[in-house]
PDB file of N, CA and C in Angstrom:
ATOM      1  N   MET A   1     154.124  60.190 125.311  1.00  0.00           N
ATOM      2  CA  MET A   1     155.058  59.208 124.814  1.00  0.00           C
ATOM      3  C   MET A   1     154.327  58.336 123.797  1.00  0.00           C
ATOM      4  N   SER A   2     154.866  58.220 122.604  1.00  0.00           N
ATOM      5  CA  SER A   2     154.233  57.405 121.573  1.00  0.00           C
ATOM      6  C   SER A   2     154.771  55.987 121.629  1.00  0.00           C
ATOM      7  N   GLN A   3     153.903  55.071 121.272  1.00  0.00           N
ATOM      8  CA  GLN A   3     154.314  53.676 121.239  1.00  0.00           C
ATOM      9  C   GLN A   3     154.718  53.319 119.817  1.00  0.00           C
ATOM     10  N   GLN A   4     155.757  52.536 119.689  1.00  0.00           N
ATOM     11  CA  GLN A   4     156.185  52.080 118.380  1.00  0.00           C
ATOM     12  C   GLN A   4     155.608  50.701 118.127  1.00  0.00           C
ATOM     13  N   CYS A   5     155.245  50.468 116.898  1.00  0.00           N
ATOM     14  CA  CYS A   5     154.710  49.168 116.517  1.00  0.00           C
ATOM     15  C   CYS A   5     155.831  48.134 116.571  1.00  0.00           C
ATOM     16  N   ALA A   6     155.526  47.005 117.164  1.00  0.00           N
ATOM     17  CA  ALA A   6     156.495  45.917 117.221  1.00  0.00           C
ATOM     18  C   ALA A   6     156.550  45.182 115.885  1.00  0.00           C
ATOM     19  N   CYS A   7     155.629  45.524 114.965  1.00  0.00           N
ATOM     20  CA  CYS A   7     155.584  44.893 113.652  1.00  0.00           C
ATOM     21  C   CYS A   7     156.724  45.416 112.790  1.00  0.00           C
ATOM     22  N   ARG A   8     157.349  44.488 112.074  1.00  0.00           N
ATOM     23  CA  ARG A   8     158.396  44.892 111.148  1.00  0.00           C
ATOM     24  C   ARG A   8     157.981  44.462 109.757  1.00  0.00           C
ATOM     25  N   LYS A   9     158.120  45.350 108.821  1.00  0.00           N
ATOM     26  CA  LYS A   9     157.839  44.997 107.435  1.00  0.00           C
ATOM     27  C   LYS A   9     159.057  44.260 106.888  1.00  0.00           C
ATOM     28  N   THR A  10     158.804  43.112 106.306  1.00  0.00           N
ATOM     29  CA  THR A  10     159.908  42.347 105.731  1.00  0.00           C
ATOM     30  C   THR A  10     160.322  42.957 104.404  1.00  0.00           C
ATOM     31  N   ASP A  11     161.585  42.840 104.097  1.00  0.00           N
ATOM     32  CA  ASP A  11     162.128  43.355 102.846  1.00  0.00           C
ATOM     33  C   ASP A  11     163.302  42.479 102.442  1.00  0.00           C
ATOM     34  N   ARG A  12     163.105  41.666 101.433  1.00  0.00           N
ATOM     35  CA  ARG A  12     164.153  40.730 101.026  1.00  0.00           C
ATOM     36  C   ARG A  12     165.420  41.425 100.570  1.00  0.00           C
ATOM     37  N   TYR A  13     165.316  42.693 100.172  1.00  0.00           N
ATOM     38  CA  TYR A  13     166.504  43.409  99.720  1.00  0.00           C
ATOM     39  C   TYR A  13     167.356  43.887 100.901  1.00  0.00           C
ATOM     40  N   VAL A  14     166.776  43.860 102.084  1.00  0.00           N
ATOM     41  CA  VAL A  14     167.520  44.193 103.296  1.00  0.00           C
ATOM     42  C   VAL A  14     167.972  42.901 103.967  1.00  0.00           C
ATOM     43  N   SER A  15     167.026  41.981 104.161  1.00  0.00           N
ATOM     44  CA  SER A  15     167.329  40.717 104.810  1.00  0.00           C
ATOM     45  C   SER A  15     166.170  39.752 104.599  1.00  0.00           C
ATOM     46  N   PHE A  16     166.484  38.477 104.504  1.00  0.00           N
ATOM     47  CA  PHE A  16     165.433  37.467 104.434  1.00  0.00           C
ATOM     48  C   PHE A  16     164.964  37.073 105.841  1.00  0.00           C
ATOM     49  N   GLN A  17     165.515  37.729 106.856  1.00  0.00           N
ATOM     50  CA  GLN A  17     165.139  37.439 108.234  1.00  0.00           C
ATOM     51  C   GLN A  17     163.642  37.642 108.395  1.00  0.00           C
ATOM     52  N   ASP A  18     162.989  36.734 109.075  1.00  0.00           N
ATOM     53  CA  ASP A  18     161.553  36.757 109.356  1.00  0.00           C
ATOM     54  C   ASP A  18     160.693  36.494 108.131  1.00  0.00           C
ATOM     55  N   ILE A  19     161.273  36.060 107.021  1.00  0.00           N
ATOM     56  CA  ILE A  19     160.505  35.669 105.843  1.00  0.00           C
ATOM     57  C   ILE A  19     160.589  34.155 105.727  1.00  0.00           C
ATOM     58  N   ASP A  20     159.443  33.496 105.808  1.00  0.00           N
ATOM     59  CA  ASP A  20     159.402  32.037 105.766  1.00  0.00           C
ATOM     60  C   ASP A  20     159.170  31.569 104.328  1.00  0.00           C
ATOM     61  N   CYS A  21     160.168  31.755 103.484  1.00  0.00           N
ATOM     62  CA  CYS A  21     160.043  31.392 102.072  1.00  0.00           C
ATOM     63  C   CYS A  21     159.757  29.900 101.897  1.00  0.00           C
ATOM     64  N   ALA A  22     160.496  29.061 102.571  1.00  0.00           N
ATOM     65  CA  ALA A  22     160.307  27.617 102.425  1.00  0.00           C
ATOM     66  C   ALA A  22     158.936  27.182 102.940  1.00  0.00           C
ATOM     67  N   GLY A  23     158.530  27.724 104.065  1.00  0.00           N
ATOM     68  CA  GLY A  23     157.223  27.370 104.619  1.00  0.00           C
ATOM     69  C   GLY A  23     156.079  27.849 103.742  1.00  0.00           C
ATOM     70  N   ASN A  24     156.191  29.064 103.218  1.00  0.00           N
ATOM     71  CA  ASN A  24     155.147  29.578 102.330  1.00  0.00           C
ATOM     72  C   ASN A  24     155.099  28.789 101.025  1.00  0.00           C
ATOM     73  N   ALA A  25     156.260  28.408 100.511  1.00  0.00           N
ATOM     74  CA  ALA A  25     156.306  27.592  99.302  1.00  0.00           C
ATOM     75  C   ALA A  25     155.646  26.236  99.553  1.00  0.00           C
ATOM     76  N   ARG A  26     155.926  25.643 100.696  1.00  0.00           N
ATOM     77  CA  ARG A  26     155.300  24.366 101.047  1.00  0.00           C
ATOM     78  C   ARG A  26     153.787  24.512 101.126  1.00  0.00           C
ATOM     79  N   ARG A  27     153.309  25.601 101.740  1.00  0.00           N
ATOM     80  CA  ARG A  27     151.868  25.827 101.854  1.00  0.00           C
ATOM     81  C   ARG A  27     151.222  26.020 100.474  1.00  0.00           C
ATOM     82  N   LEU A  28     151.922  26.711  99.580  1.00  0.00           N
ATOM     83  CA  LEU A  28     151.375  26.894  98.236  1.00  0.00           C
ATOM     84  C   LEU A  28     151.297  25.550  97.508  1.00  0.00           C
ATOM     85  N   MET A  29     152.300  24.716  97.689  1.00  0.00           N
ATOM     86  CA  MET A  29     152.266  23.390  97.073  1.00  0.00           C
ATOM     87  C   MET A  29     151.109  22.561  97.643  1.00  0.00           C
ATOM     88  N   GLU A  30     150.793  22.756  98.906  1.00  0.00           N
ATOM     89  CA  GLU A  30     149.644  22.057  99.494  1.00  0.00           C
ATOM     90  C   GLU A  30     148.351  22.511  98.822  1.00  0.00           C
ATOM     91  N   HIS A  31     148.236  23.820  98.538  1.00  0.00           N
ATOM     92  CA  HIS A  31     147.077  24.326  97.787  1.00  0.00           C
ATOM     93  C   HIS A  31     147.011  23.640  96.421  1.00  0.00           C
ATOM     94  N   LEU A  32     148.152  23.594  95.738  1.00  0.00           N
ATOM     95  CA  LEU A  32     148.200  22.970  94.422  1.00  0.00           C
ATOM     96  C   LEU A  32     147.776  21.508  94.508  1.00  0.00           C
ATOM     97  N   ASP A  33     148.302  20.775  95.469  1.00  0.00           N
ATOM     98  CA  ASP A  33     147.964  19.360  95.620  1.00  0.00           C
ATOM     99  C   ASP A  33     146.464  19.175  95.834  1.00  0.00           C
ATOM    100  N   ARG A  34     145.862  20.019  96.664  1.00  0.00           N
ATOM    101  CA  ARG A  34     144.407  19.922  96.912  1.00  0.00           C
ATOM    102  C   ARG A  34     143.629  20.192  95.629  1.00  0.00           C
ATOM    103  N   GLN A  35     144.035  21.207  94.891  1.00  0.00           N
ATOM    104  CA  GLN A  35     143.332  21.543  93.642  1.00  0.00           C
ATOM    105  C   GLN A  35     143.482  20.416  92.616  1.00  0.00           C
ATOM    106  N   LEU A  36     144.699  19.905  92.464  1.00  0.00           N
ATOM    107  CA  LEU A  36     144.938  18.864  91.462  1.00  0.00           C
ATOM    108  C   LEU A  36     144.272  17.547  91.816  1.00  0.00           C
ATOM    109  N   ALA A  37     143.956  17.348  93.074  1.00  0.00           N
ATOM    110  CA  ALA A  37     143.277  16.120  93.499  1.00  0.00           C
ATOM    111  C   ALA A  37     141.803  16.111  93.071  1.00  0.00           C
ATOM    112  N   LEU A  38     141.278  17.280  92.725  1.00  0.00           N
ATOM    113  CA  LEU A  38     139.886  17.360  92.284  1.00  0.00           C
ATOM    114  C   LEU A  38     139.783  16.902  90.827  1.00  0.00           C
ATOM    115  N   PRO A  39     138.723  16.196  90.485  1.00  0.00           N
ATOM    116  CA  PRO A  39     138.574  15.690  89.111  1.00  0.00           C
ATOM    117  C   PRO A  39     138.602  16.820  88.081  1.00  0.00           C
ATOM    118  N   GLY A  40     139.302  16.569  86.979  1.00  0.00           N
ATOM    119  CA  GLY A  40     139.331  17.501  85.869  1.00  0.00           C
ATOM    120  C   GLY A  40     140.288  18.670  86.004  1.00  0.00           C
ATOM    121  N   ARG A  41     141.091  18.693  87.027  1.00  0.00           N
ATOM    122  CA  ARG A  41     141.965  19.845  87.250  1.00  0.00           C
ATOM    123  C   ARG A  41     143.386  19.641  86.748  1.00  0.00           C
ATOM    124  N   SER A  42     143.794  18.426  86.533  1.00  0.00           N
ATOM    125  CA  SER A  42     145.151  18.178  86.065  1.00  0.00           C
ATOM    126  C   SER A  42     145.176  18.197  84.539  1.00  0.00           C
ATOM    127  N   ASN A  43     146.365  18.345  83.998  1.00  0.00           N
ATOM    128  CA  ASN A  43     146.562  18.282  82.552  1.00  0.00           C
ATOM    129  C   ASN A  43     147.995  17.815  82.307  1.00  0.00           C
ATOM    130  N   ALA A  44     148.406  17.803  81.045  1.00  0.00           N
ATOM    131  CA  ALA A  44     149.742  17.295  80.706  1.00  0.00           C
ATOM    132  C   ALA A  44     150.845  18.092  81.404  1.00  0.00           C
ATOM    133  N   PHE A  45     150.668  19.426  81.502  1.00  0.00           N
ATOM    134  CA  PHE A  45     151.696  20.220  82.175  1.00  0.00           C
ATOM    135  C   PHE A  45     151.842  19.801  83.621  1.00  0.00           C
ATOM    136  N   TRP A  46     150.736  19.683  84.371  1.00  0.00           N
ATOM    137  CA  TRP A  46     150.819  19.374  85.801  1.00  0.00           C
ATOM    138  C   TRP A  46     151.308  17.949  86.037  1.00  0.00           C
ATOM    139  N   GLU A  47     151.058  17.038  85.090  1.00  0.00           N
ATOM    140  CA  GLU A  47     151.621  15.689  85.191  1.00  0.00           C
ATOM    141  C   GLU A  47     153.144  15.744  85.025  1.00  0.00           C
ATOM    142  N   TYR A  48     153.605  16.528  84.044  1.00  0.00           N
ATOM    143  CA  TYR A  48     155.042  16.740  83.853  1.00  0.00           C
ATOM    144  C   TYR A  48     155.653  17.408  85.090  1.00  0.00           C
ATOM    145  N   PHE A  49     154.961  18.405  85.627  1.00  0.00           N
ATOM    146  CA  PHE A  49     155.422  19.117  86.809  1.00  0.00           C
ATOM    147  C   PHE A  49     155.581  18.152  87.989  1.00  0.00           C
ATOM    148  N   ALA A  50     154.633  17.242  88.152  1.00  0.00           N
ATOM    149  CA  ALA A  50     154.701  16.266  89.252  1.00  0.00           C
ATOM    150  C   ALA A  50     155.964  15.413  89.148  1.00  0.00           C
ATOM    151  N   LYS A  51     156.341  15.056  87.922  1.00  0.00           N
ATOM    152  CA  LYS A  51     157.570  14.271  87.737  1.00  0.00           C
ATOM    153  C   LYS A  51     158.803  15.106  88.100  1.00  0.00           C
ATOM    154  N   LYS A  52     158.813  16.368  87.673  1.00  0.00           N
ATOM    155  CA  LYS A  52     159.929  17.251  88.044  1.00  0.00           C
ATOM    156  C   LYS A  52     159.996  17.415  89.552  1.00  0.00           C
ATOM    157  N   ARG A  53     158.846  17.577  90.163  1.00  0.00           N
ATOM    158  CA  ARG A  53     158.785  17.802  91.611  1.00  0.00           C
ATOM    159  C   ARG A  53     159.286  16.584  92.380  1.00  0.00           C
ATOM    160  N   ALA A  54     158.998  15.408  91.879  1.00  0.00           N
ATOM    161  CA  ALA A  54     159.437  14.177  92.548  1.00  0.00           C
ATOM    162  C   ALA A  54     160.951  14.025  92.499  1.00  0.00           C
ATOM    163  N   GLY A  55     161.580  14.626  91.489  1.00  0.00           N
ATOM    164  CA  GLY A  55     163.029  14.544  91.374  1.00  0.00           C
ATOM    165  C   GLY A  55     163.486  13.164  90.968  1.00  0.00           C
ATOM    166  N   ASN A  56     164.732  12.891  91.287  1.00  0.00           N
ATOM    167  CA  ASN A  56     165.294  11.572  90.968  1.00  0.00           C
ATOM    168  C   ASN A  56     166.097  11.080  92.161  1.00  0.00           C
ATOM    169  N   ALA A  57     166.831  10.010  91.955  1.00  0.00           N
ATOM    170  CA  ALA A  57     167.585   9.406  93.063  1.00  0.00           C
ATOM    171  C   ALA A  57     168.674  10.329  93.593  1.00  0.00           C
ATOM    172  N   VAL A  58     169.129  11.268  92.775  1.00  0.00           N
ATOM    173  CA  VAL A  58     170.236  12.133  93.182  1.00  0.00           C
ATOM    174  C   VAL A  58     169.741  13.476  93.732  1.00  0.00           C
ATOM    175  N   THR A  59     168.812  14.085  93.054  1.00  0.00           N
ATOM    176  CA  THR A  59     168.364  15.415  93.474  1.00  0.00           C
ATOM    177  C   THR A  59     166.848  15.528  93.450  1.00  0.00           C
ATOM    178  N   LYS A  60     166.364  16.405  94.273  1.00  0.00           N
ATOM    179  CA  LYS A  60     164.943  16.741  94.307  1.00  0.00           C
ATOM    180  C   LYS A  60     164.861  18.255  94.441  1.00  0.00           C
ATOM    181  N   PRO A  61     164.258  18.946  93.460  1.00  0.00           N
ATOM    182  CA  PRO A  61     164.200  20.411  93.545  1.00  0.00           C
ATOM    183  C   PRO A  61     163.334  20.852  94.718  1.00  0.00           C
ATOM    184  N   ASP A  62     163.675  21.994  95.293  1.00  0.00           N
ATOM    185  CA  ASP A  62     162.855  22.476  96.403  1.00  0.00           C
ATOM    186  C   ASP A  62     161.635  23.223  95.858  1.00  0.00           C
ATOM    187  N   ASP A  63     160.631  23.344  96.700  1.00  0.00           N
ATOM    188  CA  ASP A  63     159.361  23.932  96.302  1.00  0.00           C
ATOM    189  C   ASP A  63     159.518  25.368  95.813  1.00  0.00           C
ATOM    190  N   LEU A  64     160.324  26.160  96.491  1.00  0.00           N
ATOM    191  CA  LEU A  64     160.486  27.559  96.106  1.00  0.00           C
ATOM    192  C   LEU A  64     161.074  27.668  94.699  1.00  0.00           C
ATOM    193  N   PHE A  65     162.057  26.847  94.378  1.00  0.00           N
ATOM    194  CA  PHE A  65     162.639  26.851  93.041  1.00  0.00           C
ATOM    195  C   PHE A  65     161.579  26.519  91.994  1.00  0.00           C
ATOM    196  N   LEU A  66     160.767  25.492  92.255  1.00  0.00           N
ATOM    197  CA  LEU A  66     159.740  25.086  91.299  1.00  0.00           C
ATOM    198  C   LEU A  66     158.683  26.168  91.116  1.00  0.00           C
ATOM    199  N   ILE A  67     158.302  26.817  92.191  1.00  0.00           N
ATOM    200  CA  ILE A  67     157.321  27.896  92.088  1.00  0.00           C
ATOM    201  C   ILE A  67     157.908  29.044  91.276  1.00  0.00           C
ATOM    202  N   HIS A  68     159.120  29.441  91.623  1.00  0.00           N
ATOM    203  CA  HIS A  68     159.765  30.542  90.920  1.00  0.00           C
ATOM    204  C   HIS A  68     159.896  30.237  89.429  1.00  0.00           C
ATOM    205  N   SER A  69     160.253  29.013  89.089  1.00  0.00           N
ATOM    206  CA  SER A  69     160.458  28.623  87.696  1.00  0.00           C
ATOM    207  C   SER A  69     159.159  28.530  86.901  1.00  0.00           C
ATOM    208  N   ASN A  70     158.048  28.370  87.594  1.00  0.00           N
ATOM    209  CA  ASN A  70     156.755  28.170  86.931  1.00  0.00           C
ATOM    210  C   ASN A  70     155.698  29.134  87.452  1.00  0.00           C
ATOM    211  N   ILE A  71     156.109  30.319  87.849  1.00  0.00           N
ATOM    212  CA  ILE A  71     155.206  31.242  88.536  1.00  0.00           C
ATOM    213  C   ILE A  71     153.989  31.619  87.690  1.00  0.00           C
ATOM    214  N   ASN A  72     154.175  31.777  86.381  1.00  0.00           N
ATOM    215  CA  ASN A  72     153.034  32.132  85.530  1.00  0.00           C
ATOM    216  C   ASN A  72     152.031  30.994  85.412  1.00  0.00           C
ATOM    217  N   GLN A  73     152.511  29.757  85.377  1.00  0.00           N
ATOM    218  CA  GLN A  73     151.600  28.614  85.336  1.00  0.00           C
ATOM    219  C   GLN A  73     150.809  28.509  86.637  1.00  0.00           C
ATOM    220  N   PHE A  74     151.475  28.765  87.763  1.00  0.00           N
ATOM    221  CA  PHE A  74     150.776  28.766  89.047  1.00  0.00           C
ATOM    222  C   PHE A  74     149.691  29.843  89.052  1.00  0.00           C
ATOM    223  N   ARG A  75     150.062  31.041  88.624  1.00  0.00           N
ATOM    224  CA  ARG A  75     149.107  32.147  88.620  1.00  0.00           C
ATOM    225  C   ARG A  75     147.895  31.817  87.741  1.00  0.00           C
ATOM    226  N   ASP A  76     148.142  31.341  86.535  1.00  0.00           N
ATOM    227  CA  ASP A  76     147.042  30.995  85.631  1.00  0.00           C
ATOM    228  C   ASP A  76     146.146  29.916  86.228  1.00  0.00           C
ATOM    229  N   PHE A  77     146.765  28.914  86.821  1.00  0.00           N
ATOM    230  CA  PHE A  77     146.000  27.808  87.406  1.00  0.00           C
ATOM    231  C   PHE A  77     145.100  28.298  88.539  1.00  0.00           C
ATOM    232  N   PHE A  78     145.664  29.028  89.480  1.00  0.00           N
ATOM    233  CA  PHE A  78     144.876  29.484  90.619  1.00  0.00           C
ATOM    234  C   PHE A  78     143.831  30.522  90.204  1.00  0.00           C
ATOM    235  N   GLU A  79     144.135  31.355  89.220  1.00  0.00           N
ATOM    236  CA  GLU A  79     143.134  32.292  88.711  1.00  0.00           C
ATOM    237  C   GLU A  79     141.981  31.534  88.061  1.00  0.00           C
ATOM    238  N   HIS A  80     142.325  30.536  87.251  1.00  0.00           N
ATOM    239  CA  HIS A  80     141.301  29.752  86.556  1.00  0.00           C
ATOM    240  C   HIS A  80     140.337  29.082  87.540  1.00  0.00           C
ATOM    241  N   TRP A  81     140.871  28.586  88.631  1.00  0.00           N
ATOM    242  CA  TRP A  81     140.039  27.876  89.611  1.00  0.00           C
ATOM    243  C   TRP A  81     139.610  28.786  90.763  1.00  0.00           C
ATOM    244  N   ASN A  82     139.778  30.071  90.622  1.00  0.00           N
ATOM    245  CA  ASN A  82     139.311  31.065  91.603  1.00  0.00           C
ATOM    246  C   ASN A  82     139.787  30.779  93.024  1.00  0.00           C
ATOM    247  N   ASP A  83     141.047  30.437  93.165  1.00  0.00           N
ATOM    248  CA  ASP A  83     141.617  30.174  94.488  1.00  0.00           C
ATOM    249  C   ASP A  83     142.328  31.445  94.965  1.00  0.00           C
ATOM    250  N   GLY A  84     141.549  32.349  95.534  1.00  0.00           N
ATOM    251  CA  GLY A  84     142.074  33.628  95.993  1.00  0.00           C
ATOM    252  C   GLY A  84     143.111  33.498  97.089  1.00  0.00           C
ATOM    253  N   GLU A  85     142.926  32.542  97.967  1.00  0.00           N
ATOM    254  CA  GLU A  85     143.897  32.346  99.052  1.00  0.00           C
ATOM    255  C   GLU A  85     145.256  31.946  98.482  1.00  0.00           C
ATOM    256  N   ALA A  86     145.255  31.023  97.524  1.00  0.00           N
ATOM    257  CA  ALA A  86     146.510  30.597  96.903  1.00  0.00           C
ATOM    258  C   ALA A  86     147.133  31.744  96.111  1.00  0.00           C
ATOM    259  N   LEU A  87     146.323  32.528  95.424  1.00  0.00           N
ATOM    260  CA  LEU A  87     146.847  33.670  94.676  1.00  0.00           C
ATOM    261  C   LEU A  87     147.512  34.683  95.603  1.00  0.00           C
ATOM    262  N   GLY A  88     146.897  34.921  96.756  1.00  0.00           N
ATOM    263  CA  GLY A  88     147.489  35.831  97.733  1.00  0.00           C
ATOM    264  C   GLY A  88     148.828  35.319  98.230  1.00  0.00           C
ATOM    265  N   LEU A  89     148.887  34.033  98.497  1.00  0.00           N
ATOM    266  CA  LEU A  89     150.139  33.422  98.959  1.00  0.00           C
ATOM    267  C   LEU A  89     151.190  33.454  97.845  1.00  0.00           C
ATOM    268  N   LEU A  90     150.764  33.216  96.613  1.00  0.00           N
ATOM    269  CA  LEU A  90     151.689  33.285  95.480  1.00  0.00           C
ATOM    270  C   LEU A  90     152.270  34.685  95.332  1.00  0.00           C
ATOM    271  N   LEU A  91     151.437  35.693  95.456  1.00  0.00           N
ATOM    272  CA  LEU A  91     151.905  37.075  95.366  1.00  0.00           C
ATOM    273  C   LEU A  91     152.905  37.372  96.479  1.00  0.00           C
ATOM    274  N   GLN A  92     152.603  36.904  97.688  1.00  0.00           N
ATOM    275  CA  GLN A  92     153.517  37.112  98.822  1.00  0.00           C
ATOM    276  C   GLN A  92     154.857  36.438  98.546  1.00  0.00           C
ATOM    277  N   ILE A  93     154.838  35.213  98.045  1.00  0.00           N
ATOM    278  CA  ILE A  93     156.069  34.511  97.732  1.00  0.00           C
ATOM    279  C   ILE A  93     156.841  35.254  96.648  1.00  0.00           C
ATOM    280  N   GLU A  94     156.133  35.714  95.624  1.00  0.00           N
ATOM    281  CA  GLU A  94     156.786  36.424  94.527  1.00  0.00           C
ATOM    282  C   GLU A  94     157.454  37.708  95.030  1.00  0.00           C
ATOM    283  N   GLU A  95     156.776  38.446  95.872  1.00  0.00           N
ATOM    284  CA  GLU A  95     157.325  39.706  96.369  1.00  0.00           C
ATOM    285  C   GLU A  95     158.437  39.509  97.392  1.00  0.00           C
ATOM    286  N   GLU A  96     158.301  38.506  98.243  1.00  0.00           N
ATOM    287  CA  GLU A  96     159.268  38.340  99.330  1.00  0.00           C
ATOM    288  C   GLU A  96     160.434  37.410  98.996  1.00  0.00           C
ATOM    289  N   CYS A  97     160.203  36.450  98.098  1.00  0.00           N
ATOM    290  CA  CYS A  97     161.189  35.377  97.969  1.00  0.00           C
ATOM    291  C   CYS A  97     161.769  35.148  96.579  1.00  0.00           C
ATOM    292  N   CYS A  98     161.097  35.611  95.552  1.00  0.00           N
ATOM    293  CA  CYS A  98     161.570  35.322  94.183  1.00  0.00           C
ATOM    294  C   CYS A  98     162.381  36.471  93.614  1.00  0.00           C
TER     295      CYS A  98
END
């Protein structure tokens, strides 16, 4: 008798069930916040991004939307600063959630 793996591969085209898009997006933003807190890592784009992220009195964009809208900037930033963990999480978010 063979045993079946209890592991399920997630597939957003079938269902978003068991994919923590919001949680992964939040974790990626935490990586970004840690990197930007280091001297010399911010620039005009990331200052503008911080204002967009803060939103206004009426609306505040969610993290997943901001990541999806700026995915190339995230990739370039994390590649530049050699943050492999963040790059892995970004790839996972891109494949599962965007």
